[in-house]
Amino acid sequence: RKGARNAPWWTEECALAAAGYRAIRRLYPLGFNQEVQIAKRDFHRVVRRAKRLYWRNLINSFSDSSSVFKAVRWLRSPGAFQPPPLQVDDVVYETQLDKANALRRATLERRTAEDDIQDPWIEVSPRKTIPFPHEISLEEAQDATLRTGNTSPGADNITVKLLTAVRHIIGTHLRRLFEGCLAIGHHPKPFRAAEVVMIAKPGRRDLTNPRAWRPISLLSCLGKGLERLVARRLAWACIHYGVLHPQQAGALPKRSATDLVAALVHDIEAFACKKVATLVTMDIQGAFDTVLRNRLILRLREQGWPERLARWSGSFMDDRSACVR
């Protein structure tokens, strides 16, 4: 940035590499050219080398205890982040409890079920029946629960790492639990209790606005394993039995944004002979927050999914609780 103070490790070589990278970027503003990627890689290499050399020389130059204490101060944590007061309409919330309640109302209680239907169990006549067996193998249960990242646990503080350590003891019980849940169509109450952590959205500077914060739900790792198992089976069945449109790519295996872009490029090239190509995009604001329980149950039954899966989905969405940490 012009007028800004250079970093202490910044060298003339870094400046030349940065200038070269900027020059190539101006020639290819979209950044898709191979020369742009090579220049970017070379620039990052120069910066890493300059940083490494600067800190190595600085540490080697320490000659007394004061220099060592100075280095220790560099590593000292700046302290816990203190978020600013929240402002909702004309009301300012300053205490931790008031801010937690304000964020809960603004992010977790902004939707209601007023538009939901009363009875999702009315008689339906689906055009086909979609198989969804409730039997679960031991490998499938363990794969959905244990072969994942070591995500943050919920209120029970049981981590994936801990479950992996005792998998030989709990494996059969885990399979029976998941199998029983699918057989009777029930999602256990402890799996529906979440601890919510508010994380500031990237790039948002006005942290006094509740919309600048994103709620992250911390759920039981066991419950997330059951969710993952059901989601994988649903995704596979949706593709195998043609439930969703062939160009639907969200949360489906072997379908990604790259596939959608390839389909879009194909359509645009088809209209390249002096014709107009039109692209329509849309975004559903708060899509996950606005799913209506009874309408979802009815839609599953209309598509031909088993009744026990519809009951499990209803139990999954019913009587959920959350506390803002």
C-alpha atoms as a PDB file:
ATOM      1  CA  ARG A   1       0.000   0.000   0.000  1.00  0.00           C
ATOM      2  CA  LYS A   2       1.359   3.425  -0.960  1.00  0.00           C
ATOM      3  CA  GLY A   3       2.530   5.464   1.994  1.00  0.00           C
ATOM      4  CA  ALA A   4       2.459   2.451   4.307  1.00  0.00           C
ATOM      5  CA  ARG A   5       5.474   1.302   6.250  1.00  0.00           C
ATOM      6  CA  ASN A   6       7.246  -1.714   4.788  1.00  0.00           C
ATOM      7  CA  ALA A   7       7.576  -4.880   6.833  1.00  0.00           C
ATOM      8  CA  PRO A   8      11.068  -5.241   8.348  1.00  0.00           C
ATOM      9  CA  TRP A   9      11.763  -8.339   6.276  1.00  0.00           C
ATOM     10  CA  TRP A  10      10.757  -6.673   2.969  1.00  0.00           C
ATOM     11  CA  THR A  11      13.675  -6.524   0.510  1.00  0.00           C
ATOM     12  CA  GLU A  12      14.377  -5.131  -2.931  1.00  0.00           C
ATOM     13  CA  GLU A  13      13.960  -8.638  -4.315  1.00  0.00           C
ATOM     14  CA  CYS A  14      10.453  -8.776  -2.804  1.00  0.00           C
ATOM     15  CA  ALA A  15       9.599  -5.426  -4.397  1.00  0.00           C
ATOM     16  CA  LEU A  16      10.764  -6.594  -7.833  1.00  0.00           C
ATOM     17  CA  ALA A  17       8.822  -9.867  -7.541  1.00  0.00           C
ATOM     18  CA  ALA A  18       5.692  -7.986  -6.448  1.00  0.00           C
ATOM     19  CA  ALA A  19       6.013  -5.523  -9.328  1.00  0.00           C
ATOM     20  CA  GLY A  20       6.402  -8.363 -11.820  1.00  0.00           C
ATOM     21  CA  TYR A  21       3.382 -10.164 -10.409  1.00  0.00           C
ATOM     22  CA  ARG A  22       1.247  -6.992 -10.583  1.00  0.00           C
ATOM     23  CA  ALA A  23       2.330  -6.353 -14.182  1.00  0.00           C
ATOM     24  CA  ILE A  24       1.254  -9.817 -15.299  1.00  0.00           C
ATOM     25  CA  ARG A  25      -2.001  -9.520 -13.349  1.00  0.00           C
ATOM     26  CA  ARG A  26      -2.830  -6.358 -15.312  1.00  0.00           C
ATOM     27  CA  LEU A  27      -2.389  -8.284 -18.570  1.00  0.00           C
ATOM     28  CA  TYR A  28      -4.696 -11.093 -17.401  1.00  0.00           C
ATOM     29  CA  PRO A  29      -7.199  -9.547 -14.946  1.00  0.00           C
ATOM     30  CA  LEU A  30      -9.177 -12.777 -14.553  1.00  0.00           C
ATOM     31  CA  GLY A  31      -6.089 -14.574 -13.242  1.00  0.00           C
ATOM     32  CA  PHE A  32      -6.697 -17.806 -15.164  1.00  0.00           C
ATOM     33  CA  ASN A  33      -3.516 -17.619 -17.278  1.00  0.00           C
ATOM     34  CA  GLN A  34      -0.629 -19.941 -16.466  1.00  0.00           C
ATOM     35  CA  GLU A  35       1.844 -17.038 -16.431  1.00  0.00           C
ATOM     36  CA  VAL A  36      -0.164 -15.388 -13.656  1.00  0.00           C
ATOM     37  CA  GLN A  37      -0.042 -18.541 -11.558  1.00  0.00           C
ATOM     38  CA  ILE A  38       3.719 -18.915 -12.103  1.00  0.00           C
ATOM     39  CA  ALA A  39       4.364 -15.266 -11.172  1.00  0.00           C
ATOM     40  CA  LYS A  40       2.226 -15.652  -8.060  1.00  0.00           C
ATOM     41  CA  ARG A  41       4.121 -18.783  -7.029  1.00  0.00           C
ATOM     42  CA  ASP A  42       7.493 -17.101  -7.566  1.00  0.00           C
ATOM     43  CA  PHE A  43       6.422 -14.019  -5.589  1.00  0.00           C
ATOM     44  CA  HIS A  44       5.337 -16.140  -2.620  1.00  0.00           C
ATOM     45  CA  ARG A  45       8.620 -18.047  -2.737  1.00  0.00           C
ATOM     46  CA  VAL A  46      10.612 -14.807  -2.615  1.00  0.00           C
ATOM     47  CA  VAL A  47       8.552 -13.537   0.329  1.00  0.00           C
ATOM     48  CA  ARG A  48       8.956 -16.780   2.277  1.00  0.00           C
ATOM     49  CA  ARG A  49      12.701 -16.781   1.672  1.00  0.00           C
ATOM     50  CA  ALA A  50      13.028 -13.142   2.756  1.00  0.00           C
ATOM     51  CA  LYS A  51      11.048 -13.756   5.957  1.00  0.00           C
ATOM     52  CA  ARG A  52      13.063 -16.834   6.835  1.00  0.00           C
ATOM     53  CA  LEU A  53      16.370 -15.069   6.249  1.00  0.00           C
ATOM     54  CA  TYR A  54      15.358 -11.958   8.216  1.00  0.00           C
ATOM     55  CA  TRP A  55      14.227 -13.809  11.345  1.00  0.00           C
ATOM     56  CA  ARG A  56      17.173 -16.184  11.228  1.00  0.00           C
ATOM     57  CA  ASN A  57      19.661 -13.313  11.080  1.00  0.00           C
ATOM     58  CA  LEU A  58      17.834 -11.410  13.805  1.00  0.00           C
ATOM     59  CA  ILE A  59      17.842 -14.364  16.203  1.00  0.00           C
ATOM     60  CA  ASN A  60      21.508 -15.064  15.474  1.00  0.00           C
ATOM     61  CA  SER A  61      22.316 -11.458  16.389  1.00  0.00           C
ATOM     62  CA  PHE A  62      21.055 -11.814  19.977  1.00  0.00           C
ATOM     63  CA  SER A  63      23.951 -11.139  22.318  1.00  0.00           C
ATOM     64  CA  ASP A  64      22.394 -10.427  25.717  1.00  0.00           C
ATOM     65  CA  SER A  65      19.377 -11.283  27.865  1.00  0.00           C
ATOM     66  CA  SER A  66      17.458  -8.138  26.874  1.00  0.00           C
ATOM     67  CA  SER A  67      17.383  -9.347  23.276  1.00  0.00           C
ATOM     68  CA  VAL A  68      15.972 -12.699  24.404  1.00  0.00           C
ATOM     69  CA  PHE A  69      13.226 -11.015  26.437  1.00  0.00           C
ATOM     70  CA  LYS A  70      12.411  -8.892  23.404  1.00  0.00           C
ATOM     71  CA  ALA A  71      11.921 -12.046  21.342  1.00  0.00           C
ATOM     72  CA  VAL A  72       9.653 -13.503  24.039  1.00  0.00           C
ATOM     73  CA  ARG A  73       7.463 -10.381  23.852  1.00  0.00           C
ATOM     74  CA  TRP A  74       6.992 -10.992  20.120  1.00  0.00           C
ATOM     75  CA  LEU A  75       5.465 -14.386  20.890  1.00  0.00           C
ATOM     76  CA  ARG A  76       3.196 -13.103  23.630  1.00  0.00           C
ATOM     77  CA  SER A  77      -0.519 -13.413  22.906  1.00  0.00           C
ATOM     78  CA  PRO A  78      -2.299 -10.090  22.349  1.00  0.00           C
ATOM     79  CA  GLY A  79      -4.987 -11.231  24.779  1.00  0.00           C
ATOM     80  CA  ALA A  80      -8.551 -12.414  24.442  1.00  0.00           C
ATOM     81  CA  PHE A  81     -10.697 -10.752  21.803  1.00  0.00           C
ATOM     82  CA  GLN A  82     -13.256  -8.400  23.302  1.00  0.00           C
ATOM     83  CA  PRO A  83     -16.190  -7.869  20.934  1.00  0.00           C
ATOM     84  CA  PRO A  84     -17.773  -4.415  20.902  1.00  0.00           C
ATOM     85  CA  PRO A  85     -21.301  -3.700  22.186  1.00  0.00           C
ATOM     86  CA  LEU A  86     -24.158  -4.819  19.961  1.00  0.00           C
ATOM     87  CA  GLN A  87     -26.752  -2.435  18.603  1.00  0.00           C
ATOM     88  CA  VAL A  88     -30.150  -3.769  17.540  1.00  0.00           C
ATOM     89  CA  ASP A  89     -32.440  -1.024  16.258  1.00  0.00           C
ATOM     90  CA  ASP A  90     -31.866   1.737  18.829  1.00  0.00           C
ATOM     91  CA  VAL A  91     -30.936  -0.507  21.760  1.00  0.00           C
ATOM     92  CA  VAL A  92     -27.287  -1.053  22.752  1.00  0.00           C
ATOM     93  CA  TYR A  93     -26.286  -4.259  24.569  1.00  0.00           C
ATOM     94  CA  GLU A  94     -23.008  -4.189  26.495  1.00  0.00           C
ATOM     95  CA  THR A  95     -22.869  -7.105  28.950  1.00  0.00           C
ATOM     96  CA  GLN A  96     -22.011 -10.621  27.806  1.00  0.00           C
ATOM     97  CA  LEU A  97     -25.434 -11.959  28.815  1.00  0.00           C
ATOM     98  CA  ASP A  98     -27.318  -9.175  27.042  1.00  0.00           C
ATOM     99  CA  LYS A  99     -25.244  -9.631  23.888  1.00  0.00           C
ATOM    100  CA  ALA A 100     -25.790 -13.401  23.928  1.00  0.00           C
ATOM    101  CA  ASN A 101     -29.560 -12.936  24.257  1.00  0.00           C
ATOM    102  CA  ALA A 102     -29.581 -10.304  21.508  1.00  0.00           C
ATOM    103  CA  LEU A 103     -27.633 -12.564  19.146  1.00  0.00           C
ATOM    104  CA  ARG A 104     -29.934 -15.467  19.974  1.00  0.00           C
ATOM    105  CA  ARG A 105     -33.021 -13.450  19.080  1.00  0.00           C
ATOM    106  CA  ALA A 106     -31.434 -11.978  15.943  1.00  0.00           C
ATOM    107  CA  THR A 107     -29.968 -15.191  14.510  1.00  0.00           C
ATOM    108  CA  LEU A 108     -31.811 -18.148  16.023  1.00  0.00           C
ATOM    109  CA  GLU A 109     -35.332 -16.810  16.550  1.00  0.00           C
ATOM    110  CA  ARG A 110     -35.870 -14.755  13.407  1.00  0.00           C
ATOM    111  CA  ARG A 111     -37.996 -17.443  11.715  1.00  0.00           C
ATOM    112  CA  THR A 112     -41.336 -18.893  12.770  1.00  0.00           C
ATOM    113  CA  ALA A 113     -43.460 -21.841  11.635  1.00  0.00           C
ATOM    114  CA  GLU A 114     -46.509 -19.734  10.815  1.00  0.00           C
ATOM    115  CA  ASP A 115     -46.421 -20.832   7.147  1.00  0.00           C
ATOM    116  CA  ASP A 116     -46.196 -24.530   8.003  1.00  0.00           C
ATOM    117  CA  ILE A 117     -49.054 -26.939   7.384  1.00  0.00           C
ATOM    118  CA  GLN A 118     -50.960 -28.489  10.277  1.00  0.00           C
ATOM    119  CA  ASP A 119     -50.969 -32.186   9.385  1.00  0.00           C
ATOM    120  CA  PRO A 120     -48.122 -33.771   7.393  1.00  0.00           C
ATOM    121  CA  TRP A 121     -49.616 -37.256   7.667  1.00  0.00           C
ATOM    122  CA  ILE A 122     -52.515 -36.828   5.273  1.00  0.00           C
ATOM    123  CA  GLU A 123     -53.031 -39.580   2.716  1.00  0.00           C
ATOM    124  CA  VAL A 124     -50.663 -39.376  -0.257  1.00  0.00           C
ATOM    125  CA  SER A 125     -50.204 -41.403  -3.438  1.00  0.00           C
ATOM    126  CA  PRO A 126     -46.525 -41.375  -4.422  1.00  0.00           C
ATOM    127  CA  ARG A 127     -45.688 -42.388  -7.979  1.00  0.00           C
ATOM    128  CA  LYS A 128     -42.909 -44.707  -6.799  1.00  0.00           C
ATOM    129  CA  THR A 129     -41.427 -46.206  -3.665  1.00  0.00           C
ATOM    130  CA  ILE A 130     -37.832 -45.389  -2.810  1.00  0.00           C
ATOM    131  CA  PRO A 131     -36.030 -48.135  -0.844  1.00  0.00           C
ATOM    132  CA  PHE A 132     -34.294 -46.950   2.311  1.00  0.00           C
ATOM    133  CA  PRO A 133     -33.397 -49.953   4.507  1.00  0.00           C
ATOM    134  CA  HIS A 134     -32.805 -49.403   8.199  1.00  0.00           C
ATOM    135  CA  GLU A 135     -30.181 -52.147   8.503  1.00  0.00           C
ATOM    136  CA  ILE A 136     -26.703 -50.728   9.087  1.00  0.00           C
ATOM    137  CA  SER A 137     -23.371 -52.502   8.904  1.00  0.00           C
ATOM    138  CA  LEU A 138     -20.680 -51.994  11.523  1.00  0.00           C
ATOM    139  CA  GLU A 139     -18.327 -50.541   8.912  1.00  0.00           C
ATOM    140  CA  GLU A 140     -20.920 -48.006   7.720  1.00  0.00           C
ATOM    141  CA  ALA A 141     -21.660 -46.820  11.264  1.00  0.00           C
ATOM    142  CA  GLN A 142     -17.975 -46.425  12.111  1.00  0.00           C
ATOM    143  CA  ASP A 143     -17.157 -44.770   8.799  1.00  0.00           C
ATOM    144  CA  ALA A 144     -19.858 -42.114   9.282  1.00  0.00           C
ATOM    145  CA  THR A 145     -18.841 -41.403  12.873  1.00  0.00           C
ATOM    146  CA  LEU A 146     -15.086 -41.931  13.083  1.00  0.00           C
ATOM    147  CA  ARG A 147     -13.602 -41.364   9.626  1.00  0.00           C
ATOM    148  CA  THR A 148     -14.013 -37.627   9.691  1.00  0.00           C
ATOM    149  CA  GLY A 149     -12.165 -34.594  10.939  1.00  0.00           C
ATOM    150  CA  ASN A 150     -11.701 -34.124  14.667  1.00  0.00           C
ATOM    151  CA  THR A 151     -14.555 -31.619  14.845  1.00  0.00           C
ATOM    152  CA  SER A 152     -15.497 -29.708  17.973  1.00  0.00           C
ATOM    153  CA  PRO A 153     -17.746 -31.722  20.316  1.00  0.00           C
ATOM    154  CA  GLY A 154     -21.081 -30.680  21.709  1.00  0.00           C
ATOM    155  CA  ALA A 155     -22.198 -30.344  25.312  1.00  0.00           C
ATOM    156  CA  ASP A 156     -21.113 -33.933  26.108  1.00  0.00           C
ATOM    157  CA  ASN A 157     -17.448 -33.072  25.277  1.00  0.00           C
ATOM    158  CA  ILE A 158     -17.021 -36.449  23.547  1.00  0.00           C
ATOM    159  CA  THR A 159     -14.610 -35.954  20.656  1.00  0.00           C
ATOM    160  CA  VAL A 160     -14.083 -38.036  17.534  1.00  0.00           C
ATOM    161  CA  LYS A 161     -10.591 -38.818  18.803  1.00  0.00           C
ATOM    162  CA  LEU A 162     -12.049 -40.295  21.990  1.00  0.00           C
ATOM    163  CA  LEU A 163     -14.629 -42.333  20.069  1.00  0.00           C
ATOM    164  CA  THR A 164     -11.890 -43.657  17.797  1.00  0.00           C
ATOM    165  CA  ALA A 165      -9.845 -44.781  20.801  1.00  0.00           C
ATOM    166  CA  VAL A 166     -12.735 -46.931  22.110  1.00  0.00           C
ATOM    167  CA  ARG A 167     -14.170 -48.021  18.760  1.00  0.00           C
ATOM    168  CA  HIS A 168     -13.540 -51.715  19.482  1.00  0.00           C
ATOM    169  CA  ILE A 169     -15.719 -51.446  22.592  1.00  0.00           C
ATOM    170  CA  ILE A 170     -18.538 -49.205  21.343  1.00  0.00           C
ATOM    171  CA  GLY A 171     -18.662 -50.290  17.684  1.00  0.00           C
ATOM    172  CA  THR A 172     -21.504 -52.803  18.040  1.00  0.00           C
ATOM    173  CA  HIS A 173     -23.472 -50.564  20.398  1.00  0.00           C
ATOM    174  CA  LEU A 174     -23.069 -47.663  17.971  1.00  0.00           C
ATOM    175  CA  ARG A 175     -24.418 -49.747  15.097  1.00  0.00           C
ATOM    176  CA  ARG A 176     -27.403 -50.902  17.153  1.00  0.00           C
ATOM    177  CA  LEU A 177     -28.150 -47.333  18.244  1.00  0.00           C
ATOM    178  CA  PHE A 178     -28.155 -45.974  14.687  1.00  0.00           C
ATOM    179  CA  GLU A 179     -30.112 -48.957  13.400  1.00  0.00           C
ATOM    180  CA  GLY A 180     -32.730 -48.560  16.117  1.00  0.00           C
ATOM    181  CA  CYS A 181     -33.097 -44.834  15.406  1.00  0.00           C
ATOM    182  CA  LEU A 182     -33.809 -45.506  11.732  1.00  0.00           C
ATOM    183  CA  ALA A 183     -36.111 -48.432  12.497  1.00  0.00           C
ATOM    184  CA  ILE A 184     -38.455 -46.435  14.749  1.00  0.00           C
ATOM    185  CA  GLY A 185     -37.883 -43.043  13.126  1.00  0.00           C
ATOM    186  CA  HIS A 186     -36.431 -41.216  16.128  1.00  0.00           C
ATOM    187  CA  HIS A 187     -33.514 -38.811  16.609  1.00  0.00           C
ATOM    188  CA  PRO A 188     -32.437 -38.861  20.286  1.00  0.00           C
ATOM    189  CA  LYS A 189     -32.996 -35.714  22.308  1.00  0.00           C
ATOM    190  CA  PRO A 190     -29.304 -35.295  23.362  1.00  0.00           C
ATOM    191  CA  PHE A 191     -28.398 -35.137  19.666  1.00  0.00           C
ATOM    192  CA  ARG A 192     -30.773 -32.181  19.214  1.00  0.00           C
ATOM    193  CA  ALA A 193     -29.157 -29.977  21.867  1.00  0.00           C
ATOM    194  CA  ALA A 194     -26.581 -27.555  20.476  1.00  0.00           C
ATOM    195  CA  GLU A 195     -24.090 -25.132  21.899  1.00  0.00           C
ATOM    196  CA  VAL A 196     -23.878 -22.100  19.614  1.00  0.00           C
ATOM    197  CA  VAL A 197     -20.657 -20.140  19.212  1.00  0.00           C
ATOM    198  CA  MET A 198     -20.797 -16.782  17.436  1.00  0.00           C
ATOM    199  CA  ILE A 199     -17.974 -16.223  14.930  1.00  0.00           C
ATOM    200  CA  ALA A 200     -17.393 -12.881  13.219  1.00  0.00           C
ATOM    201  CA  LYS A 201     -17.918 -13.140   9.464  1.00  0.00           C
ATOM    202  CA  PRO A 202     -14.767 -12.524   7.390  1.00  0.00           C
ATOM    203  CA  GLY A 203     -14.435  -8.984   6.129  1.00  0.00           C
ATOM    204  CA  ARG A 204     -17.146  -7.575   8.383  1.00  0.00           C
ATOM    205  CA  ARG A 205     -15.839  -4.493  10.192  1.00  0.00           C
ATOM    206  CA  ASP A 206     -19.004  -3.293  11.925  1.00  0.00           C
ATOM    207  CA  LEU A 207     -19.215  -5.915  14.671  1.00  0.00           C
ATOM    208  CA  THR A 208     -21.965  -3.945  16.425  1.00  0.00           C
ATOM    209  CA  ASN A 209     -24.394  -5.341  13.827  1.00  0.00           C
ATOM    210  CA  PRO A 210     -25.791  -8.823  14.659  1.00  0.00           C
ATOM    211  CA  ARG A 211     -25.667  -9.719  10.951  1.00  0.00           C
ATOM    212  CA  ALA A 212     -21.863  -9.514  11.138  1.00  0.00           C
ATOM    213  CA  TRP A 213     -21.843 -12.680  13.258  1.00  0.00           C
ATOM    214  CA  ARG A 214     -22.295 -16.269  12.092  1.00  0.00           C
ATOM    215  CA  PRO A 215     -23.731 -18.875  14.502  1.00  0.00           C
ATOM    216  CA  ILE A 216     -21.768 -22.144  14.604  1.00  0.00           C
ATOM    217  CA  SER A 217     -23.643 -25.047  16.204  1.00  0.00           C
ATOM    218  CA  LEU A 218     -21.593 -27.526  18.221  1.00  0.00           C
ATOM    219  CA  LEU A 219     -23.439 -30.851  18.269  1.00  0.00           C
ATOM    220  CA  SER A 220     -22.717 -34.287  19.655  1.00  0.00           C
ATOM    221  CA  CYS A 221     -20.204 -36.170  17.511  1.00  0.00           C
ATOM    222  CA  LEU A 222     -22.367 -39.286  17.848  1.00  0.00           C
ATOM    223  CA  GLY A 223     -25.380 -37.362  16.570  1.00  0.00           C
ATOM    224  CA  LYS A 224     -23.365 -35.929  13.702  1.00  0.00           C
ATOM    225  CA  GLY A 225     -22.362 -39.473  12.796  1.00  0.00           C
ATOM    226  CA  LEU A 226     -26.015 -40.497  12.490  1.00  0.00           C
ATOM    227  CA  GLU A 227     -26.774 -37.349  10.467  1.00  0.00           C
ATOM    228  CA  ARG A 228     -23.845 -38.075   8.151  1.00  0.00           C
ATOM    229  CA  LEU A 229     -24.977 -41.659   7.639  1.00  0.00           C
ATOM    230  CA  VAL A 230     -28.526 -40.627   6.715  1.00  0.00           C
ATOM    231  CA  ALA A 231     -27.275 -37.804   4.469  1.00  0.00           C
ATOM    232  CA  ARG A 232     -24.984 -40.158   2.538  1.00  0.00           C
ATOM    233  CA  ARG A 233     -27.768 -42.666   2.008  1.00  0.00           C
ATOM    234  CA  LEU A 234     -30.185 -39.932   0.935  1.00  0.00           C
ATOM    235  CA  ALA A 235     -27.689 -38.473  -1.542  1.00  0.00           C
ATOM    236  CA  TRP A 236     -26.977 -41.874  -3.085  1.00  0.00           C
ATOM    237  CA  ALA A 237     -30.677 -42.737  -3.367  1.00  0.00           C
ATOM    238  CA  CYS A 238     -31.503 -39.321  -4.881  1.00  0.00           C
ATOM    239  CA  ILE A 239     -29.055 -39.973  -7.718  1.00  0.00           C
ATOM    240  CA  HIS A 240     -29.773 -43.686  -8.169  1.00  0.00           C
ATOM    241  CA  TYR A 241     -33.568 -43.323  -8.265  1.00  0.00           C
ATOM    242  CA  GLY A 242     -33.691 -39.982 -10.077  1.00  0.00           C
ATOM    243  CA  VAL A 243     -35.318 -38.018  -7.272  1.00  0.00           C
ATOM    244  CA  LEU A 244     -33.501 -34.772  -8.092  1.00  0.00           C
ATOM    245  CA  HIS A 245     -32.805 -32.988 -11.359  1.00  0.00           C
ATOM    246  CA  PRO A 246     -29.676 -34.192 -13.200  1.00  0.00           C
ATOM    247  CA  GLN A 247     -28.111 -30.728 -12.838  1.00  0.00           C
ATOM    248  CA  GLN A 248     -28.773 -30.478  -9.109  1.00  0.00           C
ATOM    249  CA  ALA A 249     -25.310 -30.456  -7.544  1.00  0.00           C
ATOM    250  CA  GLY A 250     -25.705 -29.363  -3.934  1.00  0.00           C
ATOM    251  CA  ALA A 251     -24.606 -31.930  -1.328  1.00  0.00           C
ATOM    252  CA  LEU A 252     -24.524 -34.777  -3.851  1.00  0.00           C
ATOM    253  CA  PRO A 253     -21.570 -37.106  -4.516  1.00  0.00           C
ATOM    254  CA  LYS A 254     -19.659 -36.758  -7.789  1.00  0.00           C
ATOM    255  CA  ARG A 255     -21.453 -33.499  -8.585  1.00  0.00           C
ATOM    256  CA  SER A 256     -19.704 -30.238  -7.858  1.00  0.00           C
ATOM    257  CA  ALA A 257     -19.533 -26.590  -8.821  1.00  0.00           C
ATOM    258  CA  THR A 258     -17.058 -27.602 -11.533  1.00  0.00           C
ATOM    259  CA  ASP A 259     -19.732 -29.762 -13.154  1.00  0.00           C
ATOM    260  CA  LEU A 260     -22.206 -26.870 -13.092  1.00  0.00           C
ATOM    261  CA  VAL A 261     -19.658 -24.510 -14.655  1.00  0.00           C
ATOM    262  CA  ALA A 262     -18.900 -27.076 -17.378  1.00  0.00           C
ATOM    263  CA  ALA A 263     -22.626 -27.366 -18.139  1.00  0.00           C
ATOM    264  CA  LEU A 264     -22.922 -23.568 -18.226  1.00  0.00           C
ATOM    265  CA  VAL A 265     -19.946 -23.215 -20.595  1.00  0.00           C
ATOM    266  CA  HIS A 266     -21.455 -25.878 -22.846  1.00  0.00           C
ATOM    267  CA  ASP A 267     -24.765 -23.973 -23.039  1.00  0.00           C
ATOM    268  CA  ILE A 268     -23.038 -20.634 -23.707  1.00  0.00           C
ATOM    269  CA  GLU A 269     -20.937 -22.130 -26.493  1.00  0.00           C
ATOM    270  CA  ALA A 270     -24.111 -23.551 -28.020  1.00  0.00           C
ATOM    271  CA  PHE A 271     -25.493 -20.010 -28.265  1.00  0.00           C
ATOM    272  CA  ALA A 272     -22.236 -18.517 -29.556  1.00  0.00           C
ATOM    273  CA  CYS A 273     -23.476 -18.073 -33.140  1.00  0.00           C
ATOM    274  CA  LYS A 274     -24.514 -14.419 -32.706  1.00  0.00           C
ATOM    275  CA  LYS A 275     -27.218 -15.358 -30.251  1.00  0.00           C
ATOM    276  CA  VAL A 276     -27.874 -14.162 -26.729  1.00  0.00           C
ATOM    277  CA  ALA A 277     -27.006 -16.347 -23.751  1.00  0.00           C
ATOM    278  CA  THR A 278     -28.857 -15.547 -20.527  1.00  0.00           C
ATOM    279  CA  LEU A 279     -27.835 -16.678 -17.071  1.00  0.00           C
ATOM    280  CA  VAL A 280     -30.236 -16.460 -14.140  1.00  0.00           C
ATOM    281  CA  THR A 281     -28.902 -16.939 -10.612  1.00  0.00           C
ATOM    282  CA  MET A 282     -30.730 -16.760  -7.321  1.00  0.00           C
ATOM    283  CA  ASP A 283     -30.015 -17.203  -3.662  1.00  0.00           C
ATOM    284  CA  ILE A 284     -32.450 -18.251  -0.943  1.00  0.00           C
ATOM    285  CA  GLN A 285     -31.714 -16.106   2.083  1.00  0.00           C
ATOM    286  CA  GLY A 286     -31.477 -18.221   5.206  1.00  0.00           C
ATOM    287  CA  ALA A 287     -32.413 -21.426   3.370  1.00  0.00           C
ATOM    288  CA  PHE A 288     -31.451 -23.733   6.230  1.00  0.00           C
ATOM    289  CA  ASP A 289     -33.282 -21.555   8.760  1.00  0.00           C
ATOM    290  CA  THR A 290     -36.541 -21.564   6.809  1.00  0.00           C
ATOM    291  CA  VAL A 291     -37.125 -25.306   6.351  1.00  0.00           C
ATOM    292  CA  LEU A 292     -40.616 -26.081   7.652  1.00  0.00           C
ATOM    293  CA  ARG A 293     -40.872 -29.375   9.515  1.00  0.00           C
ATOM    294  CA  ASN A 294     -44.339 -30.539   8.469  1.00  0.00           C
ATOM    295  CA  ARG A 295     -43.892 -29.514   4.840  1.00  0.00           C
ATOM    296  CA  LEU A 296     -40.633 -31.473   4.712  1.00  0.00           C
ATOM    297  CA  ILE A 297     -42.319 -34.582   6.112  1.00  0.00           C
ATOM    298  CA  LEU A 298     -45.146 -34.306   3.579  1.00  0.00           C
ATOM    299  CA  ARG A 299     -42.731 -33.775   0.695  1.00  0.00           C
ATOM    300  CA  LEU A 300     -40.704 -36.860   1.648  1.00  0.00           C
ATOM    301  CA  ARG A 301     -43.861 -38.954   1.727  1.00  0.00           C
ATOM    302  CA  GLU A 302     -45.029 -37.562  -1.628  1.00  0.00           C
ATOM    303  CA  GLN A 303     -41.687 -38.493  -3.195  1.00  0.00           C
ATOM    304  CA  GLY A 304     -42.036 -42.078  -1.989  1.00  0.00           C
ATOM    305  CA  TRP A 305     -39.563 -42.270   0.900  1.00  0.00           C
ATOM    306  CA  PRO A 306     -40.423 -44.755   3.707  1.00  0.00           C
ATOM    307  CA  GLU A 307     -42.625 -43.570   6.576  1.00  0.00           C
ATOM    308  CA  ARG A 308     -39.906 -44.294   9.139  1.00  0.00           C
ATOM    309  CA  LEU A 309     -37.517 -41.911   7.329  1.00  0.00           C
ATOM    310  CA  ALA A 310     -40.204 -39.222   7.343  1.00  0.00           C
ATOM    311  CA  ARG A 311     -40.695 -39.802  11.074  1.00  0.00           C
ATOM    312  CA  TRP A 312     -36.942 -39.591  11.683  1.00  0.00           C
ATOM    313  CA  SER A 313     -36.779 -36.309   9.758  1.00  0.00           C
ATOM    314  CA  GLY A 314     -39.645 -34.931  11.834  1.00  0.00           C
ATOM    315  CA  SER A 315     -37.948 -36.035  15.045  1.00  0.00           C
ATOM    316  CA  PHE A 316     -34.669 -34.516  13.832  1.00  0.00           C
ATOM    317  CA  MET A 317     -36.322 -31.086  13.481  1.00  0.00           C
ATOM    318  CA  ASP A 318     -38.612 -31.269  16.503  1.00  0.00           C
ATOM    319  CA  ASP A 319     -37.920 -29.824  19.955  1.00  0.00           C
ATOM    320  CA  ARG A 320     -34.381 -28.681  19.236  1.00  0.00           C
ATOM    321  CA  SER A 321     -32.586 -26.501  21.770  1.00  0.00           C
ATOM    322  CA  ALA A 322     -29.559 -24.221  21.642  1.00  0.00           C
ATOM    323  CA  CYS A 323     -27.613 -22.142  24.108  1.00  0.00           C
ATOM    324  CA  VAL A 324     -25.303 -19.329  23.054  1.00  0.00           C
ATOM    325  CA  ARG A 325     -21.836 -19.801  24.531  1.00  0.00           C
END
